[in-house]
C-alpha atoms as a PDB file:
ATOM      1  CA  MET A   1       0.000   0.000   0.000  1.00  0.00           C
ATOM      2  CA  ASN A   2       1.498   3.303  -1.105  1.00  0.00           C
ATOM      3  CA  GLU A   3       0.238   5.987   1.286  1.00  0.00           C
ATOM      4  CA  GLU A   4       1.444   9.490   0.767  1.00  0.00           C
ATOM      5  CA  LYS A   5       2.846  11.180   3.816  1.00  0.00           C
ATOM      6  CA  LYS A   6       0.763  14.226   4.654  1.00  0.00           C
ATOM      7  CA  ARG A   7       2.890  17.307   5.189  1.00  0.00           C
ATOM      8  CA  ILE A   8       1.781  19.770   7.817  1.00  0.00           C
ATOM      9  CA  ALA A   9       3.146  23.304   7.805  1.00  0.00           C
ATOM     10  CA  ARG A  10       4.111  25.111  10.970  1.00  0.00           C
ATOM     11  CA  THR A  11       1.232  27.073  12.492  1.00  0.00           C
ATOM     12  CA  ASP A  12       3.083  29.260  14.992  1.00  0.00           C
ATOM     13  CA  TYR A  13       4.822  31.433  12.401  1.00  0.00           C
ATOM     14  CA  LEU A  14       4.913  35.222  12.641  1.00  0.00           C
ATOM     15  CA  PRO A  15       1.981  37.003  10.920  1.00  0.00           C
ATOM     16  CA  TRP A  16       2.928  39.546   8.226  1.00  0.00           C
ATOM     17  CA  GLU A  17       2.052  42.624  10.265  1.00  0.00           C
ATOM     18  CA  GLU A  18       4.005  41.492  13.300  1.00  0.00           C
ATOM     19  CA  TYR A  19       6.902  40.594  11.021  1.00  0.00           C
ATOM     20  CA  PHE A  20       6.984  44.075   9.460  1.00  0.00           C
ATOM     21  CA  MET A  21       6.664  45.779  12.846  1.00  0.00           C
ATOM     22  CA  SER A  22       9.480  43.553  14.119  1.00  0.00           C
ATOM     23  CA  VAL A  23      11.637  44.749  11.218  1.00  0.00           C
ATOM     24  CA  ALA A  24      10.822  48.334  12.240  1.00  0.00           C
ATOM     25  CA  LYS A  25      11.699  47.580  15.874  1.00  0.00           C
ATOM     26  CA  LEU A  26      14.928  45.851  14.826  1.00  0.00           C
ATOM     27  CA  SER A  27      15.835  48.890  12.693  1.00  0.00           C
ATOM     28  CA  ALA A  28      15.228  51.126  15.711  1.00  0.00           C
ATOM     29  CA  MET A  29      18.018  49.280  17.485  1.00  0.00           C
ATOM     30  CA  ARG A  30      20.462  51.035  15.106  1.00  0.00           C
ATOM     31  CA  SER A  31      19.496  54.445  16.521  1.00  0.00           C
ATOM     32  CA  LYS A  32      22.103  56.130  18.685  1.00  0.00           C
ATOM     33  CA  ASP A  33      19.504  58.346  20.364  1.00  0.00           C
ATOM     34  CA  PRO A  34      19.835  57.606  24.089  1.00  0.00           C
ATOM     35  CA  ASN A  35      16.174  58.438  24.806  1.00  0.00           C
ATOM     36  CA  THR A  36      13.955  57.396  21.912  1.00  0.00           C
ATOM     37  CA  GLN A  37      14.719  54.765  19.305  1.00  0.00           C
ATOM     38  CA  VAL A  38      12.260  54.622  16.420  1.00  0.00           C
ATOM     39  CA  GLY A  39      12.239  52.393  13.362  1.00  0.00           C
ATOM     40  CA  ALA A  40      10.151  52.305  10.201  1.00  0.00           C
ATOM     41  CA  CYS A  41       9.485  49.687   7.531  1.00  0.00           C
ATOM     42  CA  ILE A  42       7.736  50.486   4.230  1.00  0.00           C
ATOM     43  CA  VAL A  43       5.911  47.596   2.557  1.00  0.00           C
ATOM     44  CA  ASP A  44       4.124  47.388  -0.804  1.00  0.00           C
ATOM     45  CA  LYS A  45       0.754  45.767  -1.521  1.00  0.00           C
ATOM     46  CA  THR A  46       2.384  42.378  -2.152  1.00  0.00           C
ATOM     47  CA  ASN A  47       4.123  42.261   1.265  1.00  0.00           C
ATOM     48  CA  ARG A  48       7.509  43.172  -0.193  1.00  0.00           C
ATOM     49  CA  ILE A  49       9.707  45.333   2.016  1.00  0.00           C
ATOM     50  CA  LEU A  50      10.656  48.441   0.055  1.00  0.00           C
ATOM     51  CA  SER A  51      12.738  50.296   2.623  1.00  0.00           C
ATOM     52  CA  ILE A  52      13.623  50.671   6.289  1.00  0.00           C
ATOM     53  CA  GLY A  53      14.882  53.530   8.427  1.00  0.00           C
ATOM     54  CA  TYR A  54      15.576  54.631  11.969  1.00  0.00           C
ATOM     55  CA  ASN A  55      16.027  57.960  13.711  1.00  0.00           C
ATOM     56  CA  GLY A  56      19.547  59.311  13.548  1.00  0.00           C
ATOM     57  CA  THR A  57      21.815  62.019  12.220  1.00  0.00           C
ATOM     58  CA  PRO A  58      22.251  62.511   8.454  1.00  0.00           C
ATOM     59  CA  ASN A  59      24.907  60.533   6.583  1.00  0.00           C
ATOM     60  CA  GLY A  60      28.360  61.995   6.962  1.00  0.00           C
ATOM     61  CA  TYR A  61      27.772  63.488  10.408  1.00  0.00           C
ATOM     62  CA  ASP A  62      29.624  62.119  13.394  1.00  0.00           C
ATOM     63  CA  ASP A  63      26.927  61.174  15.902  1.00  0.00           C
ATOM     64  CA  ASN A  64      29.178  62.333  18.721  1.00  0.00           C
ATOM     65  CA  ASP A  65      29.559  65.867  17.351  1.00  0.00           C
ATOM     66  CA  PHE A  66      25.900  66.780  17.834  1.00  0.00           C
ATOM     67  CA  PRO A  67      23.730  67.011  20.934  1.00  0.00           C
ATOM     68  CA  TRP A  68      21.311  64.270  22.001  1.00  0.00           C
ATOM     69  CA  GLU A  69      19.615  66.298  24.738  1.00  0.00           C
ATOM     70  CA  ARG A  70      15.833  66.646  24.780  1.00  0.00           C
ATOM     71  CA  GLU A  71      15.696  69.968  26.606  1.00  0.00           C
ATOM     72  CA  GLY A  72      17.571  73.247  26.377  1.00  0.00           C
ATOM     73  CA  GLU A  73      18.255  75.848  23.733  1.00  0.00           C
ATOM     74  CA  PRO A  74      17.151  74.552  20.304  1.00  0.00           C
ATOM     75  CA  LEU A  75      20.692  74.419  18.892  1.00  0.00           C
ATOM     76  CA  GLU A  76      21.770  72.351  21.895  1.00  0.00           C
ATOM     77  CA  THR A  77      19.058  69.680  21.529  1.00  0.00           C
ATOM     78  CA  LYS A  78      18.708  66.785  19.113  1.00  0.00           C
ATOM     79  CA  TYR A  79      15.587  68.077  17.353  1.00  0.00           C
ATOM     80  CA  LEU A  80      17.282  70.265  14.760  1.00  0.00           C
ATOM     81  CA  TYR A  81      19.739  67.540  13.754  1.00  0.00           C
ATOM     82  CA  VAL A  82      18.000  64.149  13.828  1.00  0.00           C
ATOM     83  CA  VAL A  83      16.288  62.626  10.786  1.00  0.00           C
ATOM     84  CA  HIS A  84      13.165  60.719  11.822  1.00  0.00           C
ATOM     85  CA  ALA A  85      12.749  57.033  11.001  1.00  0.00           C
ATOM     86  CA  GLU A  86       9.880  57.613   8.562  1.00  0.00           C
ATOM     87  CA  ARG A  87      11.822  60.219   6.604  1.00  0.00           C
ATOM     88  CA  ASN A  88      14.914  57.995   6.557  1.00  0.00           C
ATOM     89  CA  ALA A  89      12.879  55.065   5.243  1.00  0.00           C
ATOM     90  CA  ILE A  90      11.448  57.256   2.464  1.00  0.00           C
ATOM     91  CA  LEU A  91      14.859  58.732   1.599  1.00  0.00           C
ATOM     92  CA  ASN A  92      16.581  55.331   1.767  1.00  0.00           C
ATOM     93  CA  TYR A  93      14.306  53.880  -0.912  1.00  0.00           C
ATOM     94  CA  ARG A  94      16.270  53.398  -4.138  1.00  0.00           C
ATOM     95  CA  GLY A  95      13.547  52.195  -6.500  1.00  0.00           C
ATOM     96  CA  SER A  96      10.844  53.985  -8.433  1.00  0.00           C
ATOM     97  CA  ARG A  97       8.822  56.430  -6.367  1.00  0.00           C
ATOM     98  CA  LYS A  98       5.742  54.886  -8.006  1.00  0.00           C
ATOM     99  CA  ASP A  99       6.360  51.790  -5.848  1.00  0.00           C
ATOM    100  CA  LEU A 100       5.641  53.831  -2.715  1.00  0.00           C
ATOM    101  CA  GLU A 101       2.162  54.732  -3.950  1.00  0.00           C
ATOM    102  CA  GLY A 102      -0.375  52.746  -1.968  1.00  0.00           C
ATOM    103  CA  ALA A 103       2.285  51.316   0.351  1.00  0.00           C
ATOM    104  CA  THR A 104       2.022  50.832   4.116  1.00  0.00           C
ATOM    105  CA  ILE A 105       4.532  52.151   6.636  1.00  0.00           C
ATOM    106  CA  TYR A 106       5.054  50.308   9.914  1.00  0.00           C
ATOM    107  CA  VAL A 107       6.492  52.521  12.636  1.00  0.00           C
ATOM    108  CA  ASP A 108       6.726  52.003  16.353  1.00  0.00           C
ATOM    109  CA  LEU A 109       5.851  55.630  17.246  1.00  0.00           C
ATOM    110  CA  PHE A 110       3.022  57.618  15.620  1.00  0.00           C
ATOM    111  CA  PRO A 111       4.520  60.019  13.031  1.00  0.00           C
ATOM    112  CA  CYS A 112       5.012  63.726  13.702  1.00  0.00           C
ATOM    113  CA  ASN A 113       3.417  66.312  11.416  1.00  0.00           C
ATOM    114  CA  GLU A 114       6.600  66.743   9.332  1.00  0.00           C
ATOM    115  CA  CYS A 115       6.847  63.007   8.650  1.00  0.00           C
ATOM    116  CA  ALA A 116       3.091  62.896   8.006  1.00  0.00           C
ATOM    117  CA  LYS A 117       3.536  65.409   5.175  1.00  0.00           C
ATOM    118  CA  GLU A 118       6.287  63.295   3.630  1.00  0.00           C
ATOM    119  CA  ILE A 119       4.264  60.096   4.000  1.00  0.00           C
ATOM    120  CA  ILE A 120       1.353  61.779   2.213  1.00  0.00           C
ATOM    121  CA  GLN A 121       3.562  63.358  -0.453  1.00  0.00           C
ATOM    122  CA  CYS A 122       5.192  60.081  -1.499  1.00  0.00           C
ATOM    123  CA  GLY A 123       1.870  58.264  -1.774  1.00  0.00           C
ATOM    124  CA  ILE A 124       1.932  55.937   1.231  1.00  0.00           C
ATOM    125  CA  LYS A 125      -1.704  55.179   2.083  1.00  0.00           C
ATOM    126  CA  GLU A 126      -1.556  53.443   5.456  1.00  0.00           C
ATOM    127  CA  VAL A 127       0.312  53.976   8.723  1.00  0.00           C
ATOM    128  CA  VAL A 128       0.484  51.113  11.220  1.00  0.00           C
ATOM    129  CA  TYR A 129       1.987  52.067  14.566  1.00  0.00           C
ATOM    130  CA  LEU A 130       2.606  50.584  18.017  1.00  0.00           C
ATOM    131  CA  SER A 131       2.627  53.615  20.300  1.00  0.00           C
ATOM    132  CA  ASP A 132       0.806  56.935  20.248  1.00  0.00           C
ATOM    133  CA  LYS A 133       2.400  58.290  23.426  1.00  0.00           C
ATOM    134  CA  TYR A 134       2.342  61.865  22.092  1.00  0.00           C
ATOM    135  CA  ALA A 135      -1.334  61.691  21.044  1.00  0.00           C
ATOM    136  CA  ASN A 136      -2.224  64.964  22.772  1.00  0.00           C
ATOM    137  CA  THR A 137       0.595  67.036  21.283  1.00  0.00           C
ATOM    138  CA  GLU A 138      -0.047  69.580  18.550  1.00  0.00           C
ATOM    139  CA  SER A 139       2.308  67.704  16.214  1.00  0.00           C
ATOM    140  CA  THR A 140       0.355  64.438  16.472  1.00  0.00           C
ATOM    141  CA  ILE A 141      -3.014  66.173  16.288  1.00  0.00           C
ATOM    142  CA  ALA A 142      -1.818  67.903  13.104  1.00  0.00           C
ATOM    143  CA  SER A 143      -0.589  64.550  11.711  1.00  0.00           C
ATOM    144  CA  LYS A 144      -4.007  63.002  12.165  1.00  0.00           C
ATOM    145  CA  ARG A 145      -5.712  66.004  10.562  1.00  0.00           C
ATOM    146  CA  LEU A 146      -3.362  65.745   7.593  1.00  0.00           C
ATOM    147  CA  PHE A 147      -3.873  61.988   7.240  1.00  0.00           C
ATOM    148  CA  ASP A 148      -7.658  62.336   7.508  1.00  0.00           C
ATOM    149  CA  ALA A 149      -7.769  65.129   4.930  1.00  0.00           C
ATOM    150  CA  CYS A 150      -5.561  63.235   2.477  1.00  0.00           C
ATOM    151  CA  GLY A 151      -7.065  59.758   2.783  1.00  0.00           C
ATOM    152  CA  VAL A 152      -4.199  58.087   4.630  1.00  0.00           C
ATOM    153  CA  THR A 153      -5.499  55.513   7.083  1.00  0.00           C
ATOM    154  CA  TYR A 154      -3.792  54.859  10.389  1.00  0.00           C
ATOM    155  CA  ARG A 155      -4.258  52.250  13.061  1.00  0.00           C
ATOM    156  CA  GLN A 156      -2.530  50.841  16.052  1.00  0.00           C
ATOM    157  CA  LEU A 157      -1.219  47.300  15.642  1.00  0.00           C
ATOM    158  CA  GLU A 158      -2.762  44.905  18.120  1.00  0.00           C
ATOM    159  CA  VAL A 159      -0.020  42.475  19.102  1.00  0.00           C
ATOM    160  CA  GLU A 160      -1.206  39.222  20.642  1.00  0.00           C
ATOM    161  CA  LYS A 161       2.040  38.186  22.286  1.00  0.00           C
ATOM    162  CA  GLU A 162       5.422  39.668  23.060  1.00  0.00           C
ATOM    163  CA  ILE A 163       8.202  38.638  20.717  1.00  0.00           C
ATOM    164  CA  THR A 164      11.757  38.224  21.952  1.00  0.00           C
ATOM    165  CA  LEU A 165      14.613  38.005  19.486  1.00  0.00           C
ATOM    166  CA  THR A 166      17.786  36.181  20.378  1.00  0.00           C
ATOM    167  CA  LEU A 167      20.712  36.143  17.994  1.00  0.00           C
ATOM    168  CA  LYS A 168      22.842  33.026  18.186  1.00  0.00           C
ATOM    169  CA  PRO A 169      24.586  30.774  15.682  1.00  0.00           C
ATOM    170  CA  GLN A 170      22.444  27.987  14.189  1.00  0.00           C
ATOM    171  CA  ASN A 171      25.077  25.347  14.888  1.00  0.00           C
ATOM    172  CA  PRO A 172      27.093  26.608  17.844  1.00  0.00           C
ATOM    173  CA  LYS A 173      30.419  24.871  18.364  1.00  0.00           C
ATOM    174  CA  GLU A 174      30.376  22.902  21.549  1.00  0.00           C
END
């Protein structure tokens, strides 16, 4: 009797949205900002990652030559020097700008109004975020107004379980 062995795929794999948000969170780990690390991952309609970014200083700048403080005189704080994760992800993209049209951006912190304008301008149509800790600030209120007026949807990702990533060799030498 020649019975075929039934193959059963794994069922505990990472769903797409959690995967893309994990890529954003992993990208955030590259940030040298001592207070807030943010990552972004832009994905097209076919679940292809187009670009990633994290908050940091522009290329060519030495991260140690600029301030990372949150408070003080504007020229002595990070805000005038740091490129946000969303902007970096948009600027890092090397393909056709048409590919960004209708895309989704996964970001762990709700975008500020400046990033919202860039998200809208490049044609991204959905923002998926983890945290909206600045929801009551003028910047975030303006972002939501901009998104609403321009037809960009936004929603908080509901994560069912915490994911921990451990990097180790597949076949460690014993």
